[in-house]
Amino acid sequence: MPLVLVVEDESAIAELIAINLRHAGFDVTLAETADQASVAVDGVLPDLVLLDWMLPGQSGVALARRWRADSRTRDLPIIMLTARADEADKVAGLDAGADDYLTKPFSTQELLARIRALLRRRLPEALDAAVEVAGLRLDPTTRRVSRAGTELKLGPTEFRLLHFFLSHPERVHSRAQLLDRVWGDHVFIEERTVDVHVKRLREALQPAQCAQMIETVRGAGYRLTQQFPQTA
């Protein structure tokens, strides 16, 4: 699932964007300032950045220029979000390195369409790429999950949960992290809900004899592992 960094200092706008992105199948990280955005990018390079022009401290335009000057972030897809609608501002934003420029207020559907269009151009495999670990394969395009010729039937939540696990193998995720990344932090449900869906996911994987891939890490959460006992 593509990771989008949303750099926006207005929390209400940032949360609205995050909710819609997660609902559309994206992973989301939020940053309120240029410094927070820099730390986030230094830690994990996102697949795309939504960058506000007006930020506390350094502007989004200056941040875009800095990323374009760095070999690690030179090709980072950037969509600038701003209330500045003048043609001169648009030209300045694009000249600074933004790939696209969207003025506020904007529609969620237009934003999602522009994100998908940019990812298709710059990272065509990010939206539709199948993921596979230890023979367990999930294809987001066809919505199919299979292993060793056995096609598995998963509910929509279990599908998203497995997609996340397969995209981050061997990493332990707490229940709170899974709620945030799979359900979205706007959903107020109990952490034990995760346990219910993990149980359902294991049951769905059982026909392919790979339910053991979803490990419980006592006191920490869950992880998907490539090392599990093979059943004859």
C-alpha atoms as a PDB file:
ATOM      1  CA  MET A   1       0.000   0.000   0.000  1.00  0.00           C
ATOM      2  CA  PRO A   2       1.524   3.339  -1.066  1.00  0.00           C
ATOM      3  CA  LEU A   3       2.670   5.630   1.732  1.00  0.00           C
ATOM      4  CA  VAL A   4       1.569   9.271   1.493  1.00  0.00           C
ATOM      5  CA  LEU A   5       3.102  11.975   3.691  1.00  0.00           C
ATOM      6  CA  VAL A   6       0.590  14.793   4.344  1.00  0.00           C
ATOM      7  CA  VAL A   7       2.370  18.014   5.334  1.00  0.00           C
ATOM      8  CA  GLU A   8      -0.377  20.339   6.559  1.00  0.00           C
ATOM      9  CA  ASP A   9      -0.471  22.584   9.634  1.00  0.00           C
ATOM     10  CA  GLU A  10      -4.281  22.862   9.777  1.00  0.00           C
ATOM     11  CA  SER A  11      -5.202  19.735  11.734  1.00  0.00           C
ATOM     12  CA  ALA A  12      -8.818  19.578  10.532  1.00  0.00           C
ATOM     13  CA  ILE A  13      -7.733  19.583   6.878  1.00  0.00           C
ATOM     14  CA  ALA A  14      -4.940  17.081   7.570  1.00  0.00           C
ATOM     15  CA  GLU A  15      -7.289  14.662   9.328  1.00  0.00           C
ATOM     16  CA  LEU A  16      -9.908  14.921   6.583  1.00  0.00           C
ATOM     17  CA  ILE A  17      -7.286  14.163   3.934  1.00  0.00           C
ATOM     18  CA  ALA A  18      -5.917  11.261   6.003  1.00  0.00           C
ATOM     19  CA  ILE A  19      -9.366   9.724   6.496  1.00  0.00           C
ATOM     20  CA  ASN A  20     -10.106   9.784   2.774  1.00  0.00           C
ATOM     21  CA  LEU A  21      -6.674   8.495   1.797  1.00  0.00           C
ATOM     22  CA  ARG A  22      -6.875   5.561   4.213  1.00  0.00           C
ATOM     23  CA  HIS A  23     -10.368   4.751   3.007  1.00  0.00           C
ATOM     24  CA  ALA A  24      -8.950   4.690  -0.541  1.00  0.00           C
ATOM     25  CA  GLY A  25      -6.261   2.188   0.477  1.00  0.00           C
ATOM     26  CA  PHE A  26      -3.273   4.426   1.192  1.00  0.00           C
ATOM     27  CA  ASP A  27      -0.975   4.408   4.196  1.00  0.00           C
ATOM     28  CA  VAL A  28      -0.672   7.911   5.700  1.00  0.00           C
ATOM     29  CA  THR A  29       1.846   9.837   7.801  1.00  0.00           C
ATOM     30  CA  LEU A  30       1.075  13.350   9.052  1.00  0.00           C
ATOM     31  CA  ALA A  31       3.439  16.276   9.625  1.00  0.00           C
ATOM     32  CA  GLU A  32       2.516  19.803  10.730  1.00  0.00           C
ATOM     33  CA  THR A  33       5.812  21.574  10.036  1.00  0.00           C
ATOM     34  CA  ALA A  34       8.687  21.438   7.581  1.00  0.00           C
ATOM     35  CA  ASP A  35      10.929  20.084  10.335  1.00  0.00           C
ATOM     36  CA  GLN A  36       8.494  17.242  11.105  1.00  0.00           C
ATOM     37  CA  ALA A  37       8.212  16.495   7.395  1.00  0.00           C
ATOM     38  CA  SER A  38      11.997  16.338   7.051  1.00  0.00           C
ATOM     39  CA  VAL A  39      12.253  13.919   9.983  1.00  0.00           C
ATOM     40  CA  ALA A  40       9.517  11.723   8.478  1.00  0.00           C
ATOM     41  CA  VAL A  41      11.194  11.602   5.056  1.00  0.00           C
ATOM     42  CA  ASP A  42      14.609  10.940   6.598  1.00  0.00           C
ATOM     43  CA  GLY A  43      13.096   7.973   8.442  1.00  0.00           C
ATOM     44  CA  VAL A  44      10.967   6.405   5.703  1.00  0.00           C
ATOM     45  CA  LEU A  45      10.853   7.683   2.133  1.00  0.00           C
ATOM     46  CA  PRO A  46       7.155   8.038   1.222  1.00  0.00           C
ATOM     47  CA  ASP A  47       5.716   7.203  -2.183  1.00  0.00           C
ATOM     48  CA  LEU A  48       4.187  10.682  -2.466  1.00  0.00           C
ATOM     49  CA  VAL A  49       4.003  13.950  -0.515  1.00  0.00           C
ATOM     50  CA  LEU A  50       1.026  16.297  -0.210  1.00  0.00           C
ATOM     51  CA  LEU A  51       2.735  19.567   0.686  1.00  0.00           C
ATOM     52  CA  ASP A  52       1.093  22.730   1.993  1.00  0.00           C
ATOM     53  CA  TRP A  53       2.713  26.005   0.867  1.00  0.00           C
ATOM     54  CA  MET A  54       2.246  27.936   4.119  1.00  0.00           C
ATOM     55  CA  LEU A  55       3.909  26.110   7.002  1.00  0.00           C
ATOM     56  CA  PRO A  56       5.315  27.257  10.359  1.00  0.00           C
ATOM     57  CA  GLY A  57       8.972  28.082   9.933  1.00  0.00           C
ATOM     58  CA  GLN A  58      10.162  26.972   6.511  1.00  0.00           C
ATOM     59  CA  SER A  59       7.677  27.176   3.632  1.00  0.00           C
ATOM     60  CA  GLY A  60       6.563  24.216   1.570  1.00  0.00           C
ATOM     61  CA  VAL A  61       8.187  25.790  -1.489  1.00  0.00           C
ATOM     62  CA  ALA A  62      11.563  25.947   0.262  1.00  0.00           C
ATOM     63  CA  LEU A  63      11.132  22.354   1.462  1.00  0.00           C
ATOM     64  CA  ALA A  64      10.332  21.175  -2.067  1.00  0.00           C
ATOM     65  CA  ARG A  65      13.490  22.892  -3.376  1.00  0.00           C
ATOM     66  CA  ARG A  66      15.565  21.206  -0.677  1.00  0.00           C
ATOM     67  CA  TRP A  67      14.157  17.760  -1.502  1.00  0.00           C
ATOM     68  CA  ARG A  68      14.798  18.265  -5.213  1.00  0.00           C
ATOM     69  CA  ALA A  69      18.434  19.171  -4.476  1.00  0.00           C
ATOM     70  CA  ASP A  70      19.023  15.928  -2.542  1.00  0.00           C
ATOM     71  CA  SER A  71      19.787  12.792  -4.582  1.00  0.00           C
ATOM     72  CA  ARG A  72      17.759  10.607  -2.182  1.00  0.00           C
ATOM     73  CA  THR A  73      14.586  12.682  -2.562  1.00  0.00           C
ATOM     74  CA  ARG A  74      15.134  14.112  -6.046  1.00  0.00           C
ATOM     75  CA  ASP A  75      12.405  11.949  -7.606  1.00  0.00           C
ATOM     76  CA  LEU A  76       9.952  12.156  -4.700  1.00  0.00           C
ATOM     77  CA  PRO A  77       6.454  12.828  -6.139  1.00  0.00           C
ATOM     78  CA  ILE A  78       5.084  16.084  -4.691  1.00  0.00           C
ATOM     79  CA  ILE A  79       1.613  17.607  -4.957  1.00  0.00           C
ATOM     80  CA  MET A  80       1.420  21.118  -3.536  1.00  0.00           C
ATOM     81  CA  LEU A  81      -1.785  22.079  -1.704  1.00  0.00           C
ATOM     82  CA  THR A  82      -2.348  25.780  -1.160  1.00  0.00           C
ATOM     83  CA  ALA A  83      -4.870  28.583  -0.977  1.00  0.00           C
ATOM     84  CA  ARG A  84      -2.625  30.639  -3.273  1.00  0.00           C
ATOM     85  CA  ALA A  85      -4.444  30.492  -6.596  1.00  0.00           C
ATOM     86  CA  ASP A  86      -2.605  33.153  -8.621  1.00  0.00           C
ATOM     87  CA  GLU A  87      -0.865  31.978 -11.757  1.00  0.00           C
ATOM     88  CA  ALA A  88       2.449  33.382 -10.512  1.00  0.00           C
ATOM     89  CA  ASP A  89       2.154  31.291  -7.334  1.00  0.00           C
ATOM     90  CA  LYS A  90       1.365  28.172  -9.336  1.00  0.00           C
ATOM     91  CA  VAL A  91       4.394  28.749 -11.542  1.00  0.00           C
ATOM     92  CA  ALA A  92       6.569  29.321  -8.455  1.00  0.00           C
ATOM     93  CA  GLY A  93       5.365  26.094  -6.865  1.00  0.00           C
ATOM     94  CA  LEU A  94       5.952  24.040  -9.988  1.00  0.00           C
ATOM     95  CA  ASP A  95       9.351  25.660 -10.547  1.00  0.00           C
ATOM     96  CA  ALA A  96      10.285  24.748  -6.961  1.00  0.00           C
ATOM     97  CA  GLY A  97       9.811  21.089  -7.839  1.00  0.00           C
ATOM     98  CA  ALA A  98       6.140  20.253  -7.302  1.00  0.00           C
ATOM     99  CA  ASP A  99       4.766  17.755  -9.809  1.00  0.00           C
ATOM    100  CA  ASP A 100       1.229  19.061  -9.429  1.00  0.00           C
ATOM    101  CA  TYR A 101      -0.512  22.025  -7.796  1.00  0.00           C
ATOM    102  CA  LEU A 102      -3.986  21.954  -6.246  1.00  0.00           C
ATOM    103  CA  THR A 103      -5.669  25.015  -4.779  1.00  0.00           C
ATOM    104  CA  LYS A 104      -7.886  25.054  -1.701  1.00  0.00           C
ATOM    105  CA  PRO A 105     -10.727  24.352  -1.372  1.00  0.00           C
ATOM    106  CA  PHE A 106     -10.470  21.159  -3.407  1.00  0.00           C
ATOM    107  CA  SER A 107     -12.668  18.101  -3.792  1.00  0.00           C
ATOM    108  CA  THR A 108     -11.544  14.815  -2.290  1.00  0.00           C
ATOM    109  CA  GLN A 109     -12.239  12.984  -5.543  1.00  0.00           C
ATOM    110  CA  GLU A 110     -10.053  15.362  -7.526  1.00  0.00           C
ATOM    111  CA  LEU A 111      -7.256  15.005  -4.990  1.00  0.00           C
ATOM    112  CA  LEU A 112      -7.425  11.193  -5.142  1.00  0.00           C
ATOM    113  CA  ALA A 113      -7.500  11.289  -8.942  1.00  0.00           C
ATOM    114  CA  ARG A 114      -4.402  13.489  -9.047  1.00  0.00           C
ATOM    115  CA  ILE A 115      -2.588  11.247  -6.554  1.00  0.00           C
ATOM    116  CA  ARG A 116      -3.346   8.140  -8.617  1.00  0.00           C
ATOM    117  CA  ALA A 117      -2.361   9.863 -11.849  1.00  0.00           C
ATOM    118  CA  LEU A 118       0.969  10.988 -10.408  1.00  0.00           C
ATOM    119  CA  LEU A 119       1.717   7.576  -8.932  1.00  0.00           C
ATOM    120  CA  ARG A 120       0.927   5.923 -12.268  1.00  0.00           C
ATOM    121  CA  ARG A 121       3.442   8.220 -13.944  1.00  0.00           C
ATOM    122  CA  ARG A 122       6.154   8.157 -11.300  1.00  0.00           C
ATOM    123  CA  LEU A 123       5.584   4.857  -9.506  1.00  0.00           C
ATOM    124  CA  PRO A 124       3.330   2.705 -11.678  1.00  0.00           C
ATOM    125  CA  GLU A 125       3.753  -0.408  -9.586  1.00  0.00           C
ATOM    126  CA  ALA A 126       2.693   1.204  -6.310  1.00  0.00           C
ATOM    127  CA  LEU A 127      -1.065   1.108  -6.836  1.00  0.00           C
ATOM    128  CA  ASP A 128      -1.549  -2.300  -8.363  1.00  0.00           C
ATOM    129  CA  ALA A 129       1.482  -4.378  -7.459  1.00  0.00           C
ATOM    130  CA  ALA A 130       0.803  -7.830  -6.073  1.00  0.00           C
ATOM    131  CA  VAL A 131       2.631  -8.712  -2.847  1.00  0.00           C
ATOM    132  CA  GLU A 132       3.890 -12.170  -1.960  1.00  0.00           C
ATOM    133  CA  VAL A 133       5.568 -13.700   1.080  1.00  0.00           C
ATOM    134  CA  ALA A 134       6.431 -17.406   1.408  1.00  0.00           C
ATOM    135  CA  GLY A 135       4.162 -18.230  -1.510  1.00  0.00           C
ATOM    136  CA  LEU A 136       1.162 -16.360  -0.068  1.00  0.00           C
ATOM    137  CA  ARG A 137       0.158 -13.913  -2.797  1.00  0.00           C
ATOM    138  CA  LEU A 138      -2.281 -11.010  -2.686  1.00  0.00           C
ATOM    139  CA  ASP A 139      -3.241  -9.116  -5.840  1.00  0.00           C
ATOM    140  CA  PRO A 140      -4.962  -5.760  -5.128  1.00  0.00           C
ATOM    141  CA  THR A 141      -6.104  -5.436  -8.747  1.00  0.00           C
ATOM    142  CA  THR A 142      -8.062  -8.689  -8.896  1.00  0.00           C
ATOM    143  CA  ARG A 143      -8.750  -8.818  -5.129  1.00  0.00           C
ATOM    144  CA  ARG A 144      -7.465 -12.401  -5.072  1.00  0.00           C
ATOM    145  CA  VAL A 145      -5.425 -14.174  -2.432  1.00  0.00           C
ATOM    146  CA  SER A 146      -3.831 -17.565  -3.109  1.00  0.00           C
ATOM    147  CA  ARG A 147      -1.085 -19.959  -2.101  1.00  0.00           C
ATOM    148  CA  ALA A 148       0.151 -23.096  -3.829  1.00  0.00           C
ATOM    149  CA  GLY A 149      -2.806 -23.088  -6.190  1.00  0.00           C
ATOM    150  CA  THR A 150      -5.376 -22.670  -3.420  1.00  0.00           C
ATOM    151  CA  GLU A 151      -7.506 -19.542  -3.744  1.00  0.00           C
ATOM    152  CA  LEU A 152      -8.585 -18.085  -0.420  1.00  0.00           C
ATOM    153  CA  LYS A 153     -11.745 -16.184   0.457  1.00  0.00           C
ATOM    154  CA  LEU A 154     -11.253 -13.142   2.692  1.00  0.00           C
ATOM    155  CA  GLY A 155     -13.641 -10.481   3.910  1.00  0.00           C
ATOM    156  CA  PRO A 156     -12.790  -6.851   3.103  1.00  0.00           C
ATOM    157  CA  THR A 157     -11.261  -6.093   6.501  1.00  0.00           C
ATOM    158  CA  GLU A 158      -9.215  -9.303   6.509  1.00  0.00           C
ATOM    159  CA  PHE A 159      -8.057  -8.460   2.970  1.00  0.00           C
ATOM    160  CA  ARG A 160      -6.799  -5.031   4.080  1.00  0.00           C
ATOM    161  CA  LEU A 161      -5.203  -6.551   7.182  1.00  0.00           C
ATOM    162  CA  LEU A 162      -3.374  -9.194   5.156  1.00  0.00           C
ATOM    163  CA  HIS A 163      -2.303  -6.593   2.575  1.00  0.00           C
ATOM    164  CA  PHE A 164      -0.721  -4.558   5.364  1.00  0.00           C
ATOM    165  CA  PHE A 165       0.991  -7.591   6.908  1.00  0.00           C
ATOM    166  CA  LEU A 166       2.357  -8.754   3.539  1.00  0.00           C
ATOM    167  CA  SER A 167       3.638  -5.262   2.793  1.00  0.00           C
ATOM    168  CA  HIS A 168       5.519  -5.190   6.135  1.00  0.00           C
ATOM    169  CA  PRO A 169       6.734  -8.758   6.769  1.00  0.00           C
ATOM    170  CA  GLU A 170       8.653  -9.723   9.912  1.00  0.00           C
ATOM    171  CA  ARG A 171       7.721  -6.463  11.658  1.00  0.00           C
ATOM    172  CA  VAL A 172       5.765  -6.470  14.909  1.00  0.00           C
ATOM    173  CA  HIS A 173       2.705  -4.217  14.922  1.00  0.00           C
ATOM    174  CA  SER A 174       0.787  -3.341  18.073  1.00  0.00           C
ATOM    175  CA  ARG A 175      -3.001  -3.459  18.080  1.00  0.00           C
ATOM    176  CA  ALA A 176      -3.092   0.327  18.192  1.00  0.00           C
ATOM    177  CA  GLN A 177      -0.815   0.547  15.157  1.00  0.00           C
ATOM    178  CA  LEU A 178      -2.980  -1.899  13.240  1.00  0.00           C
ATOM    179  CA  LEU A 179      -6.097   0.075  14.108  1.00  0.00           C
ATOM    180  CA  ASP A 180      -4.403   3.217  12.827  1.00  0.00           C
ATOM    181  CA  ARG A 181      -2.972   1.733   9.629  1.00  0.00           C
ATOM    182  CA  VAL A 182      -5.745  -0.673   8.612  1.00  0.00           C
ATOM    183  CA  TRP A 183      -8.920   0.853  10.049  1.00  0.00           C
ATOM    184  CA  GLY A 184      -7.761   4.481  10.250  1.00  0.00           C
ATOM    185  CA  ASP A 185      -7.352   6.566  13.381  1.00  0.00           C
ATOM    186  CA  HIS A 186     -10.764   8.149  12.835  1.00  0.00           C
ATOM    187  CA  VAL A 187     -12.462   4.865  13.741  1.00  0.00           C
ATOM    188  CA  PHE A 188     -13.153   4.550  17.452  1.00  0.00           C
ATOM    189  CA  ILE A 189     -13.243   0.849  18.185  1.00  0.00           C
ATOM    190  CA  GLU A 190     -11.640  -1.266  20.875  1.00  0.00           C
ATOM    191  CA  GLU A 191      -8.232  -2.797  20.348  1.00  0.00           C
ATOM    192  CA  ARG A 192      -9.626  -6.290  20.956  1.00  0.00           C
ATOM    193  CA  THR A 193     -11.476  -5.867  17.647  1.00  0.00           C
ATOM    194  CA  VAL A 194      -8.078  -6.477  16.053  1.00  0.00           C
ATOM    195  CA  ASP A 195      -7.915  -9.873  17.771  1.00  0.00           C
ATOM    196  CA  VAL A 196     -11.266 -10.838  16.262  1.00  0.00           C
ATOM    197  CA  HIS A 197     -10.159  -9.984  12.735  1.00  0.00           C
ATOM    198  CA  VAL A 198      -6.770 -11.661  13.168  1.00  0.00           C
ATOM    199  CA  LYS A 199      -8.628 -14.811  14.223  1.00  0.00           C
ATOM    200  CA  ARG A 200     -10.826 -14.549  11.118  1.00  0.00           C
ATOM    201  CA  LEU A 201      -7.760 -13.976   8.952  1.00  0.00           C
ATOM    202  CA  ARG A 202      -6.080 -17.102  10.323  1.00  0.00           C
ATOM    203  CA  GLU A 203      -9.240 -19.095   9.664  1.00  0.00           C
ATOM    204  CA  ALA A 204      -9.309 -17.805   6.084  1.00  0.00           C
ATOM    205  CA  LEU A 205      -5.658 -18.815   5.589  1.00  0.00           C
ATOM    206  CA  GLN A 206      -6.159 -22.306   7.012  1.00  0.00           C
ATOM    207  CA  PRO A 207      -7.183 -23.972   3.689  1.00  0.00           C
ATOM    208  CA  ALA A 208      -3.734 -23.065   2.321  1.00  0.00           C
ATOM    209  CA  GLN A 209      -2.046 -24.295   5.526  1.00  0.00           C
ATOM    210  CA  CYS A 210      -0.435 -20.951   6.249  1.00  0.00           C
ATOM    211  CA  ALA A 211      -2.428 -19.619   9.203  1.00  0.00           C
ATOM    212  CA  GLN A 212       0.786 -19.914  11.263  1.00  0.00           C
ATOM    213  CA  MET A 213       2.285 -17.062   9.254  1.00  0.00           C
ATOM    214  CA  ILE A 214       0.332 -14.640  11.467  1.00  0.00           C
ATOM    215  CA  GLU A 215       2.197 -14.781  14.768  1.00  0.00           C
ATOM    216  CA  THR A 216       1.113 -13.416  18.111  1.00  0.00           C
ATOM    217  CA  VAL A 217       3.990 -11.629  19.844  1.00  0.00           C
ATOM    218  CA  ARG A 218       3.102 -11.715  23.509  1.00  0.00           C
ATOM    219  CA  GLY A 219       2.841  -8.261  25.035  1.00  0.00           C
ATOM    220  CA  ALA A 220       3.553  -6.547  21.716  1.00  0.00           C
ATOM    221  CA  GLY A 221       1.057  -7.406  18.971  1.00  0.00           C
ATOM    222  CA  TYR A 222       1.194  -9.378  15.735  1.00  0.00           C
ATOM    223  CA  ARG A 223       3.545  -9.991  12.838  1.00  0.00           C
ATOM    224  CA  LEU A 224       3.574 -11.895   9.580  1.00  0.00           C
ATOM    225  CA  THR A 225       6.557 -14.210   9.336  1.00  0.00           C
ATOM    226  CA  GLN A 226       8.156 -16.068   6.453  1.00  0.00           C
ATOM    227  CA  GLN A 227       9.509 -18.682   8.852  1.00  0.00           C
ATOM    228  CA  PHE A 228       6.726 -21.004   9.917  1.00  0.00           C
ATOM    229  CA  PRO A 229       6.335 -24.773  10.226  1.00  0.00           C
ATOM    230  CA  GLN A 230       5.437 -26.362   6.910  1.00  0.00           C
ATOM    231  CA  THR A 231       2.557 -28.822   6.996  1.00  0.00           C
ATOM    232  CA  ALA A 232       2.985 -31.956   4.979  1.00  0.00           C
END
